[in-house]
Amino acid sequence: MPTYRVRHVGGPNMKLQVTPWEEIKADSIEEALRVKSPWPVETSMHFTSAWAKSPGTSLYHVEAWEAELVD
């Protein structure tokens, strides 16, 4: 089962705050993000990174969880 690094990203555009990475084992990057968030997931072209962004945020204020493949 692959391991993904997941962290929370939030705040105003120029002052984003991020939490430390947390490793999660899951069958897919979407499942790793579902552990933390019910928000819609957008993946990269190669499915090695993704984020689940709150639908209520904008370009100027972000609230999201991001993930990337570790191995």
PDB file of N, CA and C in Angstrom:
ATOM      1  N   MET A   1       0.853  -1.170   0.000  1.00  0.00           N
ATOM      2  CA  MET A   1       0.000   0.000   0.000  1.00  0.00           C
ATOM      3  C   MET A   1       0.904   1.240   0.000  1.00  0.00           C
ATOM      4  N   PRO A   2       0.669   2.181  -0.902  1.00  0.00           N
ATOM      5  CA  PRO A   2       1.489   3.392  -0.986  1.00  0.00           C
ATOM      6  C   PRO A   2       1.367   4.283   0.251  1.00  0.00           C
ATOM      7  N   THR A   3       2.383   5.081   0.473  1.00  0.00           N
ATOM      8  CA  THR A   3       2.391   6.060   1.557  1.00  0.00           C
ATOM      9  C   THR A   3       2.329   7.457   0.961  1.00  0.00           C
ATOM     10  N   TYR A   4       1.495   8.305   1.551  1.00  0.00           N
ATOM     11  CA  TYR A   4       1.337   9.693   1.109  1.00  0.00           C
ATOM     12  C   TYR A   4       1.629  10.629   2.263  1.00  0.00           C
ATOM     13  N   ARG A   5       2.211  11.785   1.949  1.00  0.00           N
ATOM     14  CA  ARG A   5       2.393  12.843   2.936  1.00  0.00           C
ATOM     15  C   ARG A   5       1.232  13.807   2.778  1.00  0.00           C
ATOM     16  N   VAL A   6       0.588  14.162   3.886  1.00  0.00           N
ATOM     17  CA  VAL A   6      -0.586  15.031   3.865  1.00  0.00           C
ATOM     18  C   VAL A   6      -0.374  16.171   4.852  1.00  0.00           C
ATOM     19  N   ARG A   7      -0.786  17.386   4.456  1.00  0.00           N
ATOM     20  CA  ARG A   7      -0.718  18.531   5.375  1.00  0.00           C
ATOM     21  C   ARG A   7      -1.842  19.505   5.047  1.00  0.00           C
ATOM     22  N   HIS A   8      -2.167  20.336   6.026  1.00  0.00           N
ATOM     23  CA  HIS A   8      -3.210  21.356   5.868  1.00  0.00           C
ATOM     24  C   HIS A   8      -2.552  22.671   5.451  1.00  0.00           C
ATOM     25  N   VAL A   9      -3.189  23.371   4.526  1.00  0.00           N
ATOM     26  CA  VAL A   9      -2.727  24.679   4.053  1.00  0.00           C
ATOM     27  C   VAL A   9      -3.904  25.635   4.204  1.00  0.00           C
ATOM     28  N   GLY A  10      -3.673  26.780   4.831  1.00  0.00           N
ATOM     29  CA  GLY A  10      -4.788  27.711   4.986  1.00  0.00           C
ATOM     30  C   GLY A  10      -4.336  29.124   5.278  1.00  0.00           C
ATOM     31  N   GLY A  11      -5.232  30.056   4.991  1.00  0.00           N
ATOM     32  CA  GLY A  11      -4.995  31.451   5.298  1.00  0.00           C
ATOM     33  C   GLY A  11      -5.070  32.337   4.079  1.00  0.00           C
ATOM     34  N   PRO A  12      -4.790  33.627   4.292  1.00  0.00           N
ATOM     35  CA  PRO A  12      -4.800  34.559   3.171  1.00  0.00           C
ATOM     36  C   PRO A  12      -3.637  34.273   2.214  1.00  0.00           C
ATOM     37  N   ASN A  13      -3.821  34.603   0.959  1.00  0.00           N
ATOM     38  CA  ASN A  13      -2.899  34.267  -0.125  1.00  0.00           C
ATOM     39  C   ASN A  13      -1.424  34.529   0.194  1.00  0.00           C
ATOM     40  N   MET A  14      -1.092  35.675   0.714  1.00  0.00           N
ATOM     41  CA  MET A  14       0.321  36.014   0.933  1.00  0.00           C
ATOM     42  C   MET A  14       0.856  35.541   2.287  1.00  0.00           C
ATOM     43  N   LYS A  15       0.007  34.935   3.132  1.00  0.00           N
ATOM     44  CA  LYS A  15       0.446  34.494   4.466  1.00  0.00           C
ATOM     45  C   LYS A  15      -0.087  33.107   4.787  1.00  0.00           C
ATOM     46  N   LEU A  16       0.056  32.196   3.853  1.00  0.00           N
ATOM     47  CA  LEU A  16      -0.426  30.836   4.066  1.00  0.00           C
ATOM     48  C   LEU A  16       0.309  30.180   5.228  1.00  0.00           C
ATOM     49  N   GLN A  17      -0.422  29.416   6.000  1.00  0.00           N
ATOM     50  CA  GLN A  17       0.171  28.640   7.087  1.00  0.00           C
ATOM     51  C   GLN A  17      -0.020  27.167   6.766  1.00  0.00           C
ATOM     52  N   VAL A  18       1.016  26.377   7.019  1.00  0.00           N
ATOM     53  CA  VAL A  18       0.945  24.950   6.743  1.00  0.00           C
ATOM     54  C   VAL A  18       1.286  24.163   8.003  1.00  0.00           C
ATOM     55  N   THR A  19       0.660  23.012   8.145  1.00  0.00           N
ATOM     56  CA  THR A  19       0.969  22.136   9.260  1.00  0.00           C
ATOM     57  C   THR A  19       2.102  21.207   8.844  1.00  0.00           C
ATOM     58  N   PRO A  20       2.731  20.547   9.803  1.00  0.00           N
ATOM     59  CA  PRO A  20       3.761  19.560   9.441  1.00  0.00           C
ATOM     60  C   PRO A  20       3.150  18.412   8.639  1.00  0.00           C
ATOM     61  N   TRP A  21       3.985  17.770   7.810  1.00  0.00           N
ATOM     62  CA  TRP A  21       3.534  16.629   7.023  1.00  0.00           C
ATOM     63  C   TRP A  21       3.175  15.478   7.945  1.00  0.00           C
ATOM     64  N   GLU A  22       2.150  14.725   7.581  1.00  0.00           N
ATOM     65  CA  GLU A  22       1.735  13.511   8.281  1.00  0.00           C
ATOM     66  C   GLU A  22       1.660  12.401   7.236  1.00  0.00           C
ATOM     67  N   GLU A  23       2.225  11.247   7.539  1.00  0.00           N
ATOM     68  CA  GLU A  23       2.200  10.144   6.574  1.00  0.00           C
ATOM     69  C   GLU A  23       0.948   9.290   6.768  1.00  0.00           C
ATOM     70  N   ILE A  24       0.307   8.955   5.644  1.00  0.00           N
ATOM     71  CA  ILE A  24      -0.902   8.135   5.641  1.00  0.00           C
ATOM     72  C   ILE A  24      -0.743   7.045   4.585  1.00  0.00           C
ATOM     73  N   LYS A  25      -1.017   5.818   4.960  1.00  0.00           N
ATOM     74  CA  LYS A  25      -1.025   4.706   3.990  1.00  0.00           C
ATOM     75  C   LYS A  25      -2.437   4.585   3.445  1.00  0.00           C
ATOM     76  N   ALA A  26      -2.548   4.545   2.120  1.00  0.00           N
ATOM     77  CA  ALA A  26      -3.859   4.437   1.469  1.00  0.00           C
ATOM     78  C   ALA A  26      -3.669   3.841   0.086  1.00  0.00           C
ATOM     79  N   ASP A  27      -4.764   3.323  -0.465  1.00  0.00           N
ATOM     80  CA  ASP A  27      -4.714   2.723  -1.807  1.00  0.00           C
ATOM     81  C   ASP A  27      -4.550   3.760  -2.908  1.00  0.00           C
ATOM     82  N   SER A  28      -4.984   5.000  -2.651  1.00  0.00           N
ATOM     83  CA  SER A  28      -4.865   6.060  -3.653  1.00  0.00           C
ATOM     84  C   SER A  28      -4.689   7.403  -2.956  1.00  0.00           C
ATOM     85  N   ILE A  29      -4.272   8.381  -3.720  1.00  0.00           N
ATOM     86  CA  ILE A  29      -4.096   9.723  -3.156  1.00  0.00           C
ATOM     87  C   ILE A  29      -5.440  10.323  -2.736  1.00  0.00           C
ATOM     88  N   GLU A  30      -6.496   9.974  -3.466  1.00  0.00           N
ATOM     89  CA  GLU A  30      -7.834  10.444  -3.102  1.00  0.00           C
ATOM     90  C   GLU A  30      -8.257   9.889  -1.750  1.00  0.00           C
ATOM     91  N   GLU A  31      -7.976   8.603  -1.509  1.00  0.00           N
ATOM     92  CA  GLU A  31      -8.312   7.994  -0.227  1.00  0.00           C
ATOM     93  C   GLU A  31      -7.501   8.598   0.910  1.00  0.00           C
ATOM     94  N   ALA A  32      -6.243   8.932   0.653  1.00  0.00           N
ATOM     95  CA  ALA A  32      -5.415   9.568   1.688  1.00  0.00           C
ATOM     96  C   ALA A  32      -6.006  10.919   2.090  1.00  0.00           C
ATOM     97  N   LEU A  33      -6.483  11.679   1.122  1.00  0.00           N
ATOM     98  CA  LEU A  33      -7.089  12.980   1.434  1.00  0.00           C
ATOM     99  C   LEU A  33      -8.456  12.821   2.103  1.00  0.00           C
ATOM    100  N   ARG A  34      -9.188  11.781   1.776  1.00  0.00           N
ATOM    101  CA  ARG A  34     -10.507  11.550   2.373  1.00  0.00           C
ATOM    102  C   ARG A  34     -10.414  11.302   3.882  1.00  0.00           C
ATOM    103  N   VAL A  35      -9.254  10.835   4.340  1.00  0.00           N
ATOM    104  CA  VAL A  35      -9.042  10.641   5.773  1.00  0.00           C
ATOM    105  C   VAL A  35      -9.153  11.986   6.495  1.00  0.00           C
ATOM    106  N   LYS A  36      -8.760  13.053   5.840  1.00  0.00           N
ATOM    107  CA  LYS A  36      -8.718  14.382   6.445  1.00  0.00           C
ATOM    108  C   LYS A  36      -9.843  15.305   6.023  1.00  0.00           C
ATOM    109  N   SER A  37     -10.419  15.111   4.844  1.00  0.00           N
ATOM    110  CA  SER A  37     -11.333  16.114   4.303  1.00  0.00           C
ATOM    111  C   SER A  37     -12.421  15.522   3.409  1.00  0.00           C
ATOM    112  N   PRO A  38     -13.635  16.085   3.488  1.00  0.00           N
ATOM    113  CA  PRO A  38     -14.708  15.660   2.583  1.00  0.00           C
ATOM    114  C   PRO A  38     -14.747  16.487   1.291  1.00  0.00           C
ATOM    115  N   TRP A  39     -13.836  17.448   1.151  1.00  0.00           N
ATOM    116  CA  TRP A  39     -13.857  18.370   0.016  1.00  0.00           C
ATOM    117  C   TRP A  39     -13.466  17.672  -1.290  1.00  0.00           C
ATOM    118  N   PRO A  40     -13.853  18.238  -2.428  1.00  0.00           N
ATOM    119  CA  PRO A  40     -13.486  17.666  -3.734  1.00  0.00           C
ATOM    120  C   PRO A  40     -11.959  17.620  -3.923  1.00  0.00           C
ATOM    121  N   VAL A  41     -11.491  16.549  -4.531  1.00  0.00           N
ATOM    122  CA  VAL A  41     -10.049  16.338  -4.731  1.00  0.00           C
ATOM    123  C   VAL A  41      -9.687  16.650  -6.172  1.00  0.00           C
ATOM    124  N   GLU A  42      -8.605  17.405  -6.338  1.00  0.00           N
ATOM    125  CA  GLU A  42      -8.032  17.681  -7.664  1.00  0.00           C
ATOM    126  C   GLU A  42      -6.637  17.078  -7.682  1.00  0.00           C
ATOM    127  N   THR A  43      -6.348  16.232  -8.676  1.00  0.00           N
ATOM    128  CA  THR A  43      -5.053  15.558  -8.747  1.00  0.00           C
ATOM    129  C   THR A  43      -4.178  16.149  -9.843  1.00  0.00           C
ATOM    130  N   SER A  44      -2.878  15.924  -9.692  1.00  0.00           N
ATOM    131  CA  SER A  44      -1.936  16.332 -10.736  1.00  0.00           C
ATOM    132  C   SER A  44      -2.047  15.370 -11.905  1.00  0.00           C
ATOM    133  N   MET A  45      -1.454  15.722 -12.997  1.00  0.00           N
ATOM    134  CA  MET A  45      -1.526  14.918 -14.209  1.00  0.00           C
ATOM    135  C   MET A  45      -0.986  13.495 -13.992  1.00  0.00           C
ATOM    136  N   HIS A  46       0.039  13.350 -13.157  1.00  0.00           N
ATOM    137  CA  HIS A  46       0.656  12.043 -12.941  1.00  0.00           C
ATOM    138  C   HIS A  46       0.143  11.357 -11.674  1.00  0.00           C
ATOM    139  N   PHE A  47      -0.843  11.950 -11.017  1.00  0.00           N
ATOM    140  CA  PHE A  47      -1.457  11.393  -9.811  1.00  0.00           C
ATOM    141  C   PHE A  47      -0.468  11.200  -8.668  1.00  0.00           C
ATOM    142  N   THR A  48       0.601  12.004  -8.614  1.00  0.00           N
ATOM    143  CA  THR A  48       1.567  11.917  -7.521  1.00  0.00           C
ATOM    144  C   THR A  48       1.361  13.025  -6.497  1.00  0.00           C
ATOM    145  N   SER A  49       0.499  13.983  -6.811  1.00  0.00           N
ATOM    146  CA  SER A  49       0.143  15.018  -5.843  1.00  0.00           C
ATOM    147  C   SER A  49      -1.306  15.435  -6.095  1.00  0.00           C
ATOM    148  N   ALA A  50      -1.915  15.985  -5.036  1.00  0.00           N
ATOM    149  CA  ALA A  50      -3.317  16.396  -5.146  1.00  0.00           C
ATOM    150  C   ALA A  50      -3.649  17.318  -3.985  1.00  0.00           C
ATOM    151  N   TRP A  51      -4.826  17.952  -4.086  1.00  0.00           N
ATOM    152  CA  TRP A  51      -5.314  18.701  -2.941  1.00  0.00           C
ATOM    153  C   TRP A  51      -6.827  18.626  -2.886  1.00  0.00           C
ATOM    154  N   ALA A  52      -7.326  18.789  -1.672  1.00  0.00           N
ATOM    155  CA  ALA A  52      -8.761  18.842  -1.425  1.00  0.00           C
ATOM    156  C   ALA A  52      -9.028  20.241  -0.899  1.00  0.00           C
ATOM    157  N   LYS A  53      -9.598  21.090  -1.751  1.00  0.00           N
ATOM    158  CA  LYS A  53      -9.794  22.505  -1.411  1.00  0.00           C
ATOM    159  C   LYS A  53     -11.237  22.755  -1.021  1.00  0.00           C
ATOM    160  N   SER A  54     -11.415  23.534   0.036  1.00  0.00           N
ATOM    161  CA  SER A  54     -12.759  23.883   0.481  1.00  0.00           C
ATOM    162  C   SER A  54     -13.474  24.663  -0.612  1.00  0.00           C
ATOM    163  N   PRO A  55     -14.682  24.250  -0.992  1.00  0.00           N
ATOM    164  CA  PRO A  55     -15.420  24.961  -2.035  1.00  0.00           C
ATOM    165  C   PRO A  55     -15.766  26.399  -1.646  1.00  0.00           C
ATOM    166  N   GLY A  56     -15.725  26.719  -0.365  1.00  0.00           N
ATOM    167  CA  GLY A  56     -16.088  28.061   0.093  1.00  0.00           C
ATOM    168  C   GLY A  56     -14.946  29.057   0.093  1.00  0.00           C
ATOM    169  N   THR A  57     -13.753  28.649  -0.349  1.00  0.00           N
ATOM    170  CA  THR A  57     -12.620  29.572  -0.339  1.00  0.00           C
ATOM    171  C   THR A  57     -12.415  30.178  -1.719  1.00  0.00           C
ATOM    172  N   SER A  58     -11.539  31.167  -1.779  1.00  0.00           N
ATOM    173  CA  SER A  58     -11.314  31.885  -3.028  1.00  0.00           C
ATOM    174  C   SER A  58      -9.826  31.921  -3.362  1.00  0.00           C
ATOM    175  N   LEU A  59      -9.505  32.650  -4.387  1.00  0.00           N
ATOM    176  CA  LEU A  59      -8.111  32.843  -4.785  1.00  0.00           C
ATOM    177  C   LEU A  59      -7.331  33.583  -3.699  1.00  0.00           C
ATOM    178  N   TYR A  60      -8.012  34.372  -2.887  1.00  0.00           N
ATOM    179  CA  TYR A  60      -7.355  35.223  -1.897  1.00  0.00           C
ATOM    180  C   TYR A  60      -7.300  34.611  -0.501  1.00  0.00           C
ATOM    181  N   HIS A  61      -8.084  33.573  -0.264  1.00  0.00           N
ATOM    182  CA  HIS A  61      -8.055  32.884   1.026  1.00  0.00           C
ATOM    183  C   HIS A  61      -8.254  31.390   0.763  1.00  0.00           C
ATOM    184  N   VAL A  62      -7.250  30.599   1.108  1.00  0.00           N
ATOM    185  CA  VAL A  62      -7.257  29.173   0.799  1.00  0.00           C
ATOM    186  C   VAL A  62      -7.462  28.361   2.076  1.00  0.00           C
ATOM    187  N   GLU A  63      -8.220  27.313   1.958  1.00  0.00           N
ATOM    188  CA  GLU A  63      -8.391  26.328   3.019  1.00  0.00           C
ATOM    189  C   GLU A  63      -8.369  24.977   2.316  1.00  0.00           C
ATOM    190  N   ALA A  64      -7.301  24.191   2.495  1.00  0.00           N
ATOM    191  CA  ALA A  64      -7.152  22.954   1.746  1.00  0.00           C
ATOM    192  C   ALA A  64      -6.244  21.964   2.459  1.00  0.00           C
ATOM    193  N   TRP A  65      -6.340  20.727   2.029  1.00  0.00           N
ATOM    194  CA  TRP A  65      -5.402  19.681   2.414  1.00  0.00           C
ATOM    195  C   TRP A  65      -4.662  19.285   1.145  1.00  0.00           C
ATOM    196  N   GLU A  66      -3.333  19.152   1.244  1.00  0.00           N
ATOM    197  CA  GLU A  66      -2.575  18.713   0.080  1.00  0.00           C
ATOM    198  C   GLU A  66      -1.846  17.418   0.401  1.00  0.00           C
ATOM    199  N   ALA A  67      -1.611  16.620  -0.631  1.00  0.00           N
ATOM    200  CA  ALA A  67      -0.956  15.319  -0.448  1.00  0.00           C
ATOM    201  C   ALA A  67       0.011  15.070  -1.587  1.00  0.00           C
ATOM    202  N   GLU A  68       1.027  14.278  -1.273  1.00  0.00           N
ATOM    203  CA  GLU A  68       1.982  13.856  -2.306  1.00  0.00           C
ATOM    204  C   GLU A  68       2.449  12.443  -2.003  1.00  0.00           C
ATOM    205  N   LEU A  69       2.765  11.726  -3.053  1.00  0.00           N
ATOM    206  CA  LEU A  69       3.224  10.353  -2.946  1.00  0.00           C
ATOM    207  C   LEU A  69       4.632  10.325  -2.348  1.00  0.00           C
ATOM    208  N   VAL A  70       4.853   9.450  -1.357  1.00  0.00           N
ATOM    209  CA  VAL A  70       6.175   9.319  -0.736  1.00  0.00           C
ATOM    210  C   VAL A  70       6.976   8.236  -1.438  1.00  0.00           C
ATOM    211  N   ASP A  71       6.357   7.081  -1.678  1.00  0.00           N
ATOM    212  CA  ASP A  71       7.098   5.982  -2.321  1.00  0.00           C
ATOM    213  C   ASP A  71       6.340   5.392  -3.476  1.00  0.00           C
TER     214      ASP A  71
END
